[in-house]
C-alpha cells in the first residue's frame, strides 16, 4: 500500500516531473466504530472464539514489541491464520513475478528520468542498478513503500515462524498469486504512475512510516488508517478497491469456516481492520461479536 506523510521532498526530486499529492475524493473509511486496539476477540454466532491481530509488515522494534502481549494467545490457539502463507514455493512465485522475463528493461518501460530517480532509492534496499533494471514497476513501488535498511524478520513472518515452531497448523487467507494479481492487473502505464508517485514523494512516504509506527505502538487504529489514506492514489478509488476493499471481502469469506471452528489466531495487516468496509465491521454484519483485548 502507499504510505503518506508531511515532509518536504528530498533534494533532487525537482528533476522529476512530479504531481503534487492531493487528498482523496471522499471519505474512504466511512464509519470507524472500532477506533482503538490491535488485538481483538472474535466470537462466532455459534459461540466459538478466536483472536484477530492487526499487524504491520515490518520488523521495527516498536512494532515487534506487541509479541509480548500476543504470544500467550498464539500459544493457546489451535491454528494460525496469516494473510498469506509464505512457504518456499510461494516465495519463489513472488520472486519470479517481480522480474521481467527475457529482454524487458525497466528503464525502457518507465523512461530514463524516472528510472534514474528510482534506482538510487532502491540502492538503499541493497538492490543494485542492474537488478532494478530487471524489475517490474509495481515491484519497485512495493519495495519503496517499506522502510529502507531495516534488518530482521517482519512481524507477520515472526508470528508464522513461532506458529510453525510450535507445530500449529498454518493457513493463508490469500495466495501470493492473488496478492501479485492486484498489481499485475494494472497496465504498465498504471504501474508507472504509482511508481512515479512513490518516487516523487519518497521522503514524505518514509516519514509517514515513522508516524504510522508510533500510531501502531499507541494502538490508535483509526488514526493509523486515516494517515494511510490521507492522499489519493494515482487511480483513485479503483486502485484502493483492488488493494484493500476487494481483498477484505475475500478474507471475510475465507475466515468464516475458520472462525466458526474457533481457537484460531488470525494475523492480517492492521489497515484491513477498521472502517465500514473493514474486517471488524464486516464480521459484525455477519453476526460475529468483536471486542478489543489490547
C-alpha atoms as a PDB file:
ATOM      1  CA  UNK A   1       0.000   0.000   0.000  1.00  0.00           C
ATOM      2  CA  UNK A   2       1.101   3.546  -0.360  1.00  0.00           C
ATOM      3  CA  UNK A   3       2.230   5.366   2.770  1.00  0.00           C
ATOM      4  CA  UNK A   4       1.813   9.035   3.496  1.00  0.00           C
ATOM      5  CA  UNK A   5       3.412  11.886   5.467  1.00  0.00           C
ATOM      6  CA  UNK A   6       4.107  15.589   5.854  1.00  0.00           C
ATOM      7  CA  UNK A   7       7.752  16.475   4.992  1.00  0.00           C
ATOM      8  CA  UNK A   8       9.266  18.318   2.029  1.00  0.00           C
ATOM      9  CA  UNK A   9      10.566  16.363  -0.951  1.00  0.00           C
ATOM     10  CA  UNK A  10      14.162  15.189  -0.834  1.00  0.00           C
ATOM     11  CA  UNK A  11      16.896  17.040  -2.754  1.00  0.00           C
ATOM     12  CA  UNK A  12      16.883  16.057  -6.393  1.00  0.00           C
ATOM     13  CA  UNK A  13      13.193  15.264  -6.637  1.00  0.00           C
ATOM     14  CA  UNK A  14      12.540  18.505  -8.529  1.00  0.00           C
ATOM     15  CA  UNK A  15      14.283  16.967 -11.575  1.00  0.00           C
ATOM     16  CA  UNK A  16      11.381  14.579 -11.985  1.00  0.00           C
ATOM     17  CA  UNK A  17       8.009  15.707 -13.296  1.00  0.00           C
ATOM     18  CA  UNK A  18       6.010  15.237 -10.116  1.00  0.00           C
ATOM     19  CA  UNK A  19       2.320  15.795  -9.484  1.00  0.00           C
ATOM     20  CA  UNK A  20       1.604  17.212  -6.013  1.00  0.00           C
ATOM     21  CA  UNK A  21      -0.098  14.891  -3.585  1.00  0.00           C
ATOM     22  CA  UNK A  22      -3.816  15.541  -3.222  1.00  0.00           C
ATOM     23  CA  UNK A  23      -6.456  14.446  -0.711  1.00  0.00           C
ATOM     24  CA  UNK A  24      -8.809  11.626  -1.687  1.00  0.00           C
ATOM     25  CA  UNK A  25     -12.091  12.463  -3.339  1.00  0.00           C
ATOM     26  CA  UNK A  26     -14.253  11.421  -0.403  1.00  0.00           C
ATOM     27  CA  UNK A  27     -14.475   9.657   2.929  1.00  0.00           C
ATOM     28  CA  UNK A  28     -12.724   6.371   2.226  1.00  0.00           C
ATOM     29  CA  UNK A  29     -13.081   4.772   5.652  1.00  0.00           C
ATOM     30  CA  UNK A  30     -16.675   5.646   6.411  1.00  0.00           C
ATOM     31  CA  UNK A  31     -17.790   4.988   9.962  1.00  0.00           C
ATOM     32  CA  UNK A  32     -14.997   3.775  12.256  1.00  0.00           C
ATOM     33  CA  UNK A  33     -16.653   2.051  15.196  1.00  0.00           C
ATOM     34  CA  UNK A  34     -13.501   0.318  16.422  1.00  0.00           C
ATOM     35  CA  UNK A  35     -11.027   3.156  16.747  1.00  0.00           C
ATOM     36  CA  UNK A  36      -8.541   1.753  19.213  1.00  0.00           C
ATOM     37  CA  UNK A  37      -6.984  -1.664  19.575  1.00  0.00           C
ATOM     38  CA  UNK A  38      -4.839  -4.137  17.648  1.00  0.00           C
ATOM     39  CA  UNK A  39      -5.812  -7.468  19.226  1.00  0.00           C
ATOM     40  CA  UNK A  40      -9.488  -8.430  19.073  1.00  0.00           C
ATOM     41  CA  UNK A  41     -11.566 -11.303  20.377  1.00  0.00           C
ATOM     42  CA  UNK A  42     -13.933 -12.602  17.711  1.00  0.00           C
ATOM     43  CA  UNK A  43     -16.920 -14.698  18.785  1.00  0.00           C
ATOM     44  CA  UNK A  44     -18.763 -16.638  16.099  1.00  0.00           C
ATOM     45  CA  UNK A  45     -22.585 -16.843  16.109  1.00  0.00           C
ATOM     46  CA  UNK A  46     -22.255 -20.393  17.430  1.00  0.00           C
ATOM     47  CA  UNK A  47     -20.099 -19.241  20.353  1.00  0.00           C
ATOM     48  CA  UNK A  48     -16.631 -20.326  19.183  1.00  0.00           C
ATOM     49  CA  UNK A  49     -13.921 -17.785  19.963  1.00  0.00           C
ATOM     50  CA  UNK A  50     -10.753 -16.744  18.139  1.00  0.00           C
ATOM     51  CA  UNK A  51      -8.442 -13.728  18.167  1.00  0.00           C
ATOM     52  CA  UNK A  52      -7.612 -11.300  15.354  1.00  0.00           C
ATOM     53  CA  UNK A  53      -4.410  -9.245  15.335  1.00  0.00           C
ATOM     54  CA  UNK A  54      -3.715  -6.247  13.135  1.00  0.00           C
ATOM     55  CA  UNK A  55      -0.044  -6.231  12.103  1.00  0.00           C
ATOM     56  CA  UNK A  56       2.455  -4.071  10.268  1.00  0.00           C
ATOM     57  CA  UNK A  57       4.559  -5.860   7.675  1.00  0.00           C
ATOM     58  CA  UNK A  58       7.855  -4.564   9.070  1.00  0.00           C
ATOM     59  CA  UNK A  59      10.448  -5.513  11.717  1.00  0.00           C
ATOM     60  CA  UNK A  60      10.757  -2.252  13.643  1.00  0.00           C
ATOM     61  CA  UNK A  61      11.257  -2.935  17.393  1.00  0.00           C
ATOM     62  CA  UNK A  62       8.293  -0.691  18.238  1.00  0.00           C
ATOM     63  CA  UNK A  63       6.090  -2.971  16.146  1.00  0.00           C
ATOM     64  CA  UNK A  64       7.698  -6.208  17.314  1.00  0.00           C
ATOM     65  CA  UNK A  65       7.051  -5.226  20.934  1.00  0.00           C
ATOM     66  CA  UNK A  66       3.471  -6.447  20.543  1.00  0.00           C
ATOM     67  CA  UNK A  67       4.740 -10.046  20.517  1.00  0.00           C
ATOM     68  CA  UNK A  68       4.999  -9.936  24.304  1.00  0.00           C
ATOM     69  CA  UNK A  69       1.293  -9.158  24.528  1.00  0.00           C
ATOM     70  CA  UNK A  70       0.042 -11.633  21.932  1.00  0.00           C
ATOM     71  CA  UNK A  71       2.268 -14.663  22.412  1.00  0.00           C
ATOM     72  CA  UNK A  72       0.069 -16.234  25.134  1.00  0.00           C
ATOM     73  CA  UNK A  73      -2.896 -16.003  22.738  1.00  0.00           C
ATOM     74  CA  UNK A  74      -0.859 -17.554  19.951  1.00  0.00           C
ATOM     75  CA  UNK A  75       0.356 -20.335  22.249  1.00  0.00           C
ATOM     76  CA  UNK A  76      -3.249 -21.184  23.154  1.00  0.00           C
ATOM     77  CA  UNK A  77      -4.521 -21.249  19.547  1.00  0.00           C
ATOM     78  CA  UNK A  78      -5.038 -24.455  17.600  1.00  0.00           C
ATOM     79  CA  UNK A  79      -4.464 -22.868  14.181  1.00  0.00           C
ATOM     80  CA  UNK A  80      -2.553 -19.819  12.947  1.00  0.00           C
ATOM     81  CA  UNK A  81      -4.087 -17.871  10.068  1.00  0.00           C
ATOM     82  CA  UNK A  82      -1.792 -15.493   8.181  1.00  0.00           C
ATOM     83  CA  UNK A  83      -2.588 -13.002   5.460  1.00  0.00           C
ATOM     84  CA  UNK A  84      -0.530 -15.234   3.161  1.00  0.00           C
ATOM     85  CA  UNK A  85       1.429 -18.417   3.877  1.00  0.00           C
ATOM     86  CA  UNK A  86       4.921 -17.628   2.588  1.00  0.00           C
ATOM     87  CA  UNK A  87       6.354 -21.097   2.141  1.00  0.00           C
ATOM     88  CA  UNK A  88       9.294 -21.807  -0.165  1.00  0.00           C
ATOM     89  CA  UNK A  89       7.059 -22.268  -3.204  1.00  0.00           C
ATOM     90  CA  UNK A  90       5.208 -19.020  -2.507  1.00  0.00           C
ATOM     91  CA  UNK A  91       8.443 -17.062  -2.104  1.00  0.00           C
ATOM     92  CA  UNK A  92       9.684 -18.488  -5.393  1.00  0.00           C
ATOM     93  CA  UNK A  93       6.427 -17.445  -7.083  1.00  0.00           C
ATOM     94  CA  UNK A  94       6.741 -13.924  -5.680  1.00  0.00           C
ATOM     95  CA  UNK A  95      10.372 -13.527  -6.720  1.00  0.00           C
ATOM     96  CA  UNK A  96       9.602 -14.767 -10.198  1.00  0.00           C
ATOM     97  CA  UNK A  97       6.670 -12.383 -10.597  1.00  0.00           C
ATOM     98  CA  UNK A  98       8.706  -9.330  -9.602  1.00  0.00           C
ATOM     99  CA  UNK A  99      11.110  -9.562 -12.546  1.00  0.00           C
ATOM    100  CA  UNK A 100      10.729  -9.277 -16.302  1.00  0.00           C
ATOM    101  CA  UNK A 101      11.473 -12.336 -18.370  1.00  0.00           C
ATOM    102  CA  UNK A 102      13.641 -12.064 -21.447  1.00  0.00           C
ATOM    103  CA  UNK A 103      14.992  -8.715 -22.569  1.00  0.00           C
ATOM    104  CA  UNK A 104      12.416  -6.390 -20.993  1.00  0.00           C
ATOM    105  CA  UNK A 105      14.092  -3.498 -19.191  1.00  0.00           C
ATOM    106  CA  UNK A 106      12.552  -1.230 -16.546  1.00  0.00           C
ATOM    107  CA  UNK A 107      14.386   1.834 -17.858  1.00  0.00           C
ATOM    108  CA  UNK A 108      12.735   1.398 -21.243  1.00  0.00           C
ATOM    109  CA  UNK A 109       9.306   0.787 -19.686  1.00  0.00           C
ATOM    110  CA  UNK A 110       9.186   3.756 -17.302  1.00  0.00           C
ATOM    111  CA  UNK A 111      11.576   6.113 -19.080  1.00  0.00           C
ATOM    112  CA  UNK A 112      15.137   7.151 -18.190  1.00  0.00           C
ATOM    113  CA  UNK A 113      14.145  10.095 -15.980  1.00  0.00           C
ATOM    114  CA  UNK A 114      12.025   8.057 -13.584  1.00  0.00           C
ATOM    115  CA  UNK A 115      14.448   5.129 -13.658  1.00  0.00           C
ATOM    116  CA  UNK A 116      17.410   7.370 -12.818  1.00  0.00           C
ATOM    117  CA  UNK A 117      15.405   8.760  -9.911  1.00  0.00           C
ATOM    118  CA  UNK A 118      14.206   5.417  -8.575  1.00  0.00           C
ATOM    119  CA  UNK A 119      17.424   3.407  -8.926  1.00  0.00           C
ATOM    120  CA  UNK A 120      19.383   5.341  -6.243  1.00  0.00           C
ATOM    121  CA  UNK A 121      16.419   4.946  -3.882  1.00  0.00           C
ATOM    122  CA  UNK A 122      16.437   1.197  -4.481  1.00  0.00           C
ATOM    123  CA  UNK A 123      20.155   1.111  -3.608  1.00  0.00           C
ATOM    124  CA  UNK A 124      19.062   1.894  -0.033  1.00  0.00           C
ATOM    125  CA  UNK A 125      17.450  -1.566  -0.027  1.00  0.00           C
ATOM    126  CA  UNK A 126      20.644  -3.245  -1.217  1.00  0.00           C
ATOM    127  CA  UNK A 127      19.425  -3.581  -4.808  1.00  0.00           C
ATOM    128  CA  UNK A 128      21.999  -2.515  -7.410  1.00  0.00           C
ATOM    129  CA  UNK A 129      21.051  -0.713 -10.572  1.00  0.00           C
ATOM    130  CA  UNK A 130      21.423  -3.780 -12.795  1.00  0.00           C
ATOM    131  CA  UNK A 131      18.969  -5.747 -10.633  1.00  0.00           C
ATOM    132  CA  UNK A 132      16.483  -2.869 -10.538  1.00  0.00           C
ATOM    133  CA  UNK A 133      16.624  -2.692 -14.329  1.00  0.00           C
ATOM    134  CA  UNK A 134      15.024  -6.160 -14.497  1.00  0.00           C
ATOM    135  CA  UNK A 135      12.230  -5.436 -12.009  1.00  0.00           C
ATOM    136  CA  UNK A 136       8.639  -4.568 -12.890  1.00  0.00           C
ATOM    137  CA  UNK A 137       7.345  -1.109 -11.911  1.00  0.00           C
ATOM    138  CA  UNK A 138       4.965  -2.493  -9.262  1.00  0.00           C
ATOM    139  CA  UNK A 139       7.809  -4.431  -7.627  1.00  0.00           C
ATOM    140  CA  UNK A 140       9.889  -1.259  -7.309  1.00  0.00           C
ATOM    141  CA  UNK A 141       6.848   0.576  -5.942  1.00  0.00           C
ATOM    142  CA  UNK A 142       6.184  -2.036  -3.259  1.00  0.00           C
ATOM    143  CA  UNK A 143       9.850  -2.119  -2.255  1.00  0.00           C
ATOM    144  CA  UNK A 144       9.977   1.662  -1.862  1.00  0.00           C
ATOM    145  CA  UNK A 145       6.854   1.549   0.320  1.00  0.00           C
ATOM    146  CA  UNK A 146       8.870  -0.252   3.013  1.00  0.00           C
ATOM    147  CA  UNK A 147      11.405   1.245   5.455  1.00  0.00           C
ATOM    148  CA  UNK A 148      14.910   1.272   3.987  1.00  0.00           C
ATOM    149  CA  UNK A 149      17.722  -0.654   5.622  1.00  0.00           C
ATOM    150  CA  UNK A 150      15.505  -2.439   8.120  1.00  0.00           C
ATOM    151  CA  UNK A 151      17.088  -5.683   9.399  1.00  0.00           C
ATOM    152  CA  UNK A 152      15.247  -8.594  10.917  1.00  0.00           C
ATOM    153  CA  UNK A 153      12.094 -10.621  10.332  1.00  0.00           C
ATOM    154  CA  UNK A 154       8.851  -8.682   9.861  1.00  0.00           C
ATOM    155  CA  UNK A 155       6.111  -9.174  12.442  1.00  0.00           C
ATOM    156  CA  UNK A 156       3.934 -11.378  10.224  1.00  0.00           C
ATOM    157  CA  UNK A 157       6.825 -13.695   9.382  1.00  0.00           C
ATOM    158  CA  UNK A 158       7.898 -13.836  13.021  1.00  0.00           C
ATOM    159  CA  UNK A 159       4.396 -14.930  14.031  1.00  0.00           C
ATOM    160  CA  UNK A 160       4.332 -17.547  11.278  1.00  0.00           C
ATOM    161  CA  UNK A 161       7.712 -18.852  12.379  1.00  0.00           C
ATOM    162  CA  UNK A 162       6.542 -19.069  16.006  1.00  0.00           C
ATOM    163  CA  UNK A 163       3.409 -20.952  14.963  1.00  0.00           C
ATOM    164  CA  UNK A 164       5.376 -23.395  12.825  1.00  0.00           C
ATOM    165  CA  UNK A 165       7.907 -23.985  15.605  1.00  0.00           C
ATOM    166  CA  UNK A 166       5.014 -24.836  17.932  1.00  0.00           C
ATOM    167  CA  UNK A 167       3.693 -27.374  15.418  1.00  0.00           C
ATOM    168  CA  UNK A 168       0.493 -25.463  14.718  1.00  0.00           C
ATOM    169  CA  UNK A 169      -1.477 -25.678  11.504  1.00  0.00           C
ATOM    170  CA  UNK A 170      -0.689 -22.591   9.396  1.00  0.00           C
ATOM    171  CA  UNK A 171      -3.288 -21.312   6.944  1.00  0.00           C
ATOM    172  CA  UNK A 172      -3.019 -18.421   4.477  1.00  0.00           C
ATOM    173  CA  UNK A 173      -6.079 -16.319   3.677  1.00  0.00           C
ATOM    174  CA  UNK A 174      -4.665 -15.440   0.270  1.00  0.00           C
ATOM    175  CA  UNK A 175      -2.129 -16.907  -2.108  1.00  0.00           C
ATOM    176  CA  UNK A 176       0.898 -14.997  -3.306  1.00  0.00           C
ATOM    177  CA  UNK A 177      -0.534 -15.230  -6.810  1.00  0.00           C
ATOM    178  CA  UNK A 178      -3.703 -13.452  -5.662  1.00  0.00           C
ATOM    179  CA  UNK A 179      -1.718 -10.686  -3.999  1.00  0.00           C
ATOM    180  CA  UNK A 180       0.511 -10.273  -7.045  1.00  0.00           C
ATOM    181  CA  UNK A 181      -2.582 -10.149  -9.281  1.00  0.00           C
ATOM    182  CA  UNK A 182      -3.611  -6.854  -7.637  1.00  0.00           C
ATOM    183  CA  UNK A 183      -0.571  -5.255  -9.262  1.00  0.00           C
ATOM    184  CA  UNK A 184      -0.282  -7.426 -12.367  1.00  0.00           C
ATOM    185  CA  UNK A 185      -3.830  -6.355 -13.153  1.00  0.00           C
ATOM    186  CA  UNK A 186      -2.545  -2.825 -13.689  1.00  0.00           C
ATOM    187  CA  UNK A 187      -1.246  -1.845 -17.100  1.00  0.00           C
ATOM    188  CA  UNK A 188       2.409  -0.855 -17.320  1.00  0.00           C
ATOM    189  CA  UNK A 189       1.272   2.751 -17.631  1.00  0.00           C
ATOM    190  CA  UNK A 190      -0.737   2.453 -14.431  1.00  0.00           C
ATOM    191  CA  UNK A 191       2.182   0.732 -12.692  1.00  0.00           C
ATOM    192  CA  UNK A 192       4.451   3.547 -13.837  1.00  0.00           C
ATOM    193  CA  UNK A 193       2.076   6.133 -12.390  1.00  0.00           C
ATOM    194  CA  UNK A 194       2.017   4.592  -8.914  1.00  0.00           C
ATOM    195  CA  UNK A 195       5.805   4.202  -9.025  1.00  0.00           C
ATOM    196  CA  UNK A 196       6.185   7.827 -10.098  1.00  0.00           C
ATOM    197  CA  UNK A 197       4.083   8.983  -7.153  1.00  0.00           C
ATOM    198  CA  UNK A 198       6.154   6.902  -4.756  1.00  0.00           C
ATOM    199  CA  UNK A 199       9.496   8.028  -6.194  1.00  0.00           C
ATOM    200  CA  UNK A 200       8.462  11.676  -6.363  1.00  0.00           C
ATOM    201  CA  UNK A 201       7.335  11.771  -2.745  1.00  0.00           C
ATOM    202  CA  UNK A 202       9.563   9.081  -1.270  1.00  0.00           C
ATOM    203  CA  UNK A 203      10.724  11.206   1.655  1.00  0.00           C
ATOM    204  CA  UNK A 204       7.123  12.031   2.536  1.00  0.00           C
ATOM    205  CA  UNK A 205       6.162   8.367   2.493  1.00  0.00           C
ATOM    206  CA  UNK A 206       9.152   7.323   4.578  1.00  0.00           C
ATOM    207  CA  UNK A 207       8.345   9.984   7.161  1.00  0.00           C
ATOM    208  CA  UNK A 208       4.800   8.659   7.291  1.00  0.00           C
ATOM    209  CA  UNK A 209       6.073   5.178   8.095  1.00  0.00           C
ATOM    210  CA  UNK A 210       7.656   6.598  11.241  1.00  0.00           C
ATOM    211  CA  UNK A 211       4.404   8.241  12.244  1.00  0.00           C
ATOM    212  CA  UNK A 212       2.432   5.080  11.478  1.00  0.00           C
ATOM    213  CA  UNK A 213       4.757   3.030  13.668  1.00  0.00           C
ATOM    214  CA  UNK A 214       4.129   5.455  16.536  1.00  0.00           C
ATOM    215  CA  UNK A 215       0.364   5.186  15.985  1.00  0.00           C
ATOM    216  CA  UNK A 216       0.628   1.406  15.856  1.00  0.00           C
ATOM    217  CA  UNK A 217       2.518   1.340  19.146  1.00  0.00           C
ATOM    218  CA  UNK A 218      -0.225   3.558  20.613  1.00  0.00           C
ATOM    219  CA  UNK A 219      -2.860   1.134  19.213  1.00  0.00           C
ATOM    220  CA  UNK A 220      -4.622   4.070  17.538  1.00  0.00           C
ATOM    221  CA  UNK A 221      -6.241   2.142  14.713  1.00  0.00           C
ATOM    222  CA  UNK A 222      -8.423   4.996  13.459  1.00  0.00           C
ATOM    223  CA  UNK A 223      -5.528   7.463  13.193  1.00  0.00           C
ATOM    224  CA  UNK A 224      -3.327   4.830  11.571  1.00  0.00           C
ATOM    225  CA  UNK A 225      -5.883   4.207   8.847  1.00  0.00           C
ATOM    226  CA  UNK A 226      -6.596   7.915   8.366  1.00  0.00           C
ATOM    227  CA  UNK A 227      -2.893   8.595   7.833  1.00  0.00           C
ATOM    228  CA  UNK A 228      -2.501   5.730   5.370  1.00  0.00           C
ATOM    229  CA  UNK A 229      -5.436   7.029   3.304  1.00  0.00           C
ATOM    230  CA  UNK A 230      -4.527  10.705   3.618  1.00  0.00           C
ATOM    231  CA  UNK A 231      -3.750  11.185  -0.074  1.00  0.00           C
ATOM    232  CA  UNK A 232      -5.316   9.866  -3.232  1.00  0.00           C
ATOM    233  CA  UNK A 233      -3.672   7.153  -5.299  1.00  0.00           C
ATOM    234  CA  UNK A 234      -2.909   7.849  -8.980  1.00  0.00           C
ATOM    235  CA  UNK A 235      -6.008   5.855  -9.919  1.00  0.00           C
ATOM    236  CA  UNK A 236      -8.168   6.948  -7.029  1.00  0.00           C
ATOM    237  CA  UNK A 237     -10.643   4.546  -5.552  1.00  0.00           C
ATOM    238  CA  UNK A 238     -10.241   1.875  -8.249  1.00  0.00           C
ATOM    239  CA  UNK A 239      -6.725   1.050  -7.086  1.00  0.00           C
ATOM    240  CA  UNK A 240      -7.721   1.241  -3.421  1.00  0.00           C
ATOM    241  CA  UNK A 241     -10.707  -1.004  -4.092  1.00  0.00           C
ATOM    242  CA  UNK A 242      -8.480  -3.713  -5.553  1.00  0.00           C
ATOM    243  CA  UNK A 243      -5.742  -3.262  -2.963  1.00  0.00           C
ATOM    244  CA  UNK A 244      -7.903  -3.196   0.162  1.00  0.00           C
ATOM    245  CA  UNK A 245     -11.696  -3.491  -0.066  1.00  0.00           C
ATOM    246  CA  UNK A 246     -11.976  -6.405  -2.504  1.00  0.00           C
ATOM    247  CA  UNK A 247      -9.342  -8.290  -0.553  1.00  0.00           C
ATOM    248  CA  UNK A 248     -11.264  -7.635   2.675  1.00  0.00           C
ATOM    249  CA  UNK A 249     -14.327  -9.309   1.195  1.00  0.00           C
ATOM    250  CA  UNK A 250     -12.255 -12.292   0.112  1.00  0.00           C
ATOM    251  CA  UNK A 251     -10.696 -12.540   3.564  1.00  0.00           C
ATOM    252  CA  UNK A 252     -14.114 -12.434   5.226  1.00  0.00           C
ATOM    253  CA  UNK A 253     -15.372 -15.300   3.089  1.00  0.00           C
ATOM    254  CA  UNK A 254     -12.336 -17.431   3.891  1.00  0.00           C
ATOM    255  CA  UNK A 255     -12.318 -16.549   7.580  1.00  0.00           C
ATOM    256  CA  UNK A 256     -15.863 -17.743   8.251  1.00  0.00           C
ATOM    257  CA  UNK A 257     -15.182 -21.508   8.430  1.00  0.00           C
ATOM    258  CA  UNK A 258     -12.038 -20.917  10.486  1.00  0.00           C
ATOM    259  CA  UNK A 259     -13.822 -18.652  12.956  1.00  0.00           C
ATOM    260  CA  UNK A 260     -16.794 -20.990  13.161  1.00  0.00           C
ATOM    261  CA  UNK A 261     -14.438 -23.726  14.353  1.00  0.00           C
ATOM    262  CA  UNK A 262     -12.769 -21.362  16.838  1.00  0.00           C
ATOM    263  CA  UNK A 263      -9.384 -21.448  18.606  1.00  0.00           C
ATOM    264  CA  UNK A 264      -7.720 -19.574  15.745  1.00  0.00           C
ATOM    265  CA  UNK A 265      -5.126 -16.816  15.891  1.00  0.00           C
ATOM    266  CA  UNK A 266      -5.554 -14.603  12.811  1.00  0.00           C
ATOM    267  CA  UNK A 267      -2.929 -12.026  11.805  1.00  0.00           C
ATOM    268  CA  UNK A 268      -3.518  -9.570   8.942  1.00  0.00           C
ATOM    269  CA  UNK A 269      -2.370  -6.038   8.187  1.00  0.00           C
ATOM    270  CA  UNK A 270      -3.908  -3.516  10.586  1.00  0.00           C
ATOM    271  CA  UNK A 271      -5.302  -1.423   7.727  1.00  0.00           C
ATOM    272  CA  UNK A 272      -7.650  -4.286   6.856  1.00  0.00           C
ATOM    273  CA  UNK A 273      -9.434  -3.920  10.203  1.00  0.00           C
ATOM    274  CA  UNK A 274     -11.165  -0.509  10.547  1.00  0.00           C
ATOM    275  CA  UNK A 275     -13.908   1.306   8.714  1.00  0.00           C
ATOM    276  CA  UNK A 276     -17.216   0.471   7.110  1.00  0.00           C
ATOM    277  CA  UNK A 277     -15.575  -1.956   4.680  1.00  0.00           C
ATOM    278  CA  UNK A 278     -13.010  -3.219   7.179  1.00  0.00           C
ATOM    279  CA  UNK A 279     -12.877  -6.714   8.628  1.00  0.00           C
ATOM    280  CA  UNK A 280     -14.160  -5.807  12.093  1.00  0.00           C
ATOM    281  CA  UNK A 281     -17.417  -4.267  10.922  1.00  0.00           C
ATOM    282  CA  UNK A 282     -17.658  -6.837   8.153  1.00  0.00           C
ATOM    283  CA  UNK A 283     -17.579  -9.591  10.770  1.00  0.00           C
ATOM    284  CA  UNK A 284     -20.231  -7.807  12.820  1.00  0.00           C
ATOM    285  CA  UNK A 285     -22.523  -7.646   9.794  1.00  0.00           C
ATOM    286  CA  UNK A 286     -22.153 -11.424   9.519  1.00  0.00           C
ATOM    287  CA  UNK A 287     -23.249 -11.953  13.098  1.00  0.00           C
ATOM    288  CA  UNK A 288     -19.888 -12.058  14.894  1.00  0.00           C
ATOM    289  CA  UNK A 289     -19.087 -10.184  18.078  1.00  0.00           C
ATOM    290  CA  UNK A 290     -15.771  -8.351  18.293  1.00  0.00           C
ATOM    291  CA  UNK A 291     -14.123  -6.994  21.424  1.00  0.00           C
ATOM    292  CA  UNK A 292     -10.781  -5.242  21.856  1.00  0.00           C
ATOM    293  CA  UNK A 293      -8.335  -7.190  24.026  1.00  0.00           C
ATOM    294  CA  UNK A 294      -5.301  -4.915  23.549  1.00  0.00           C
END
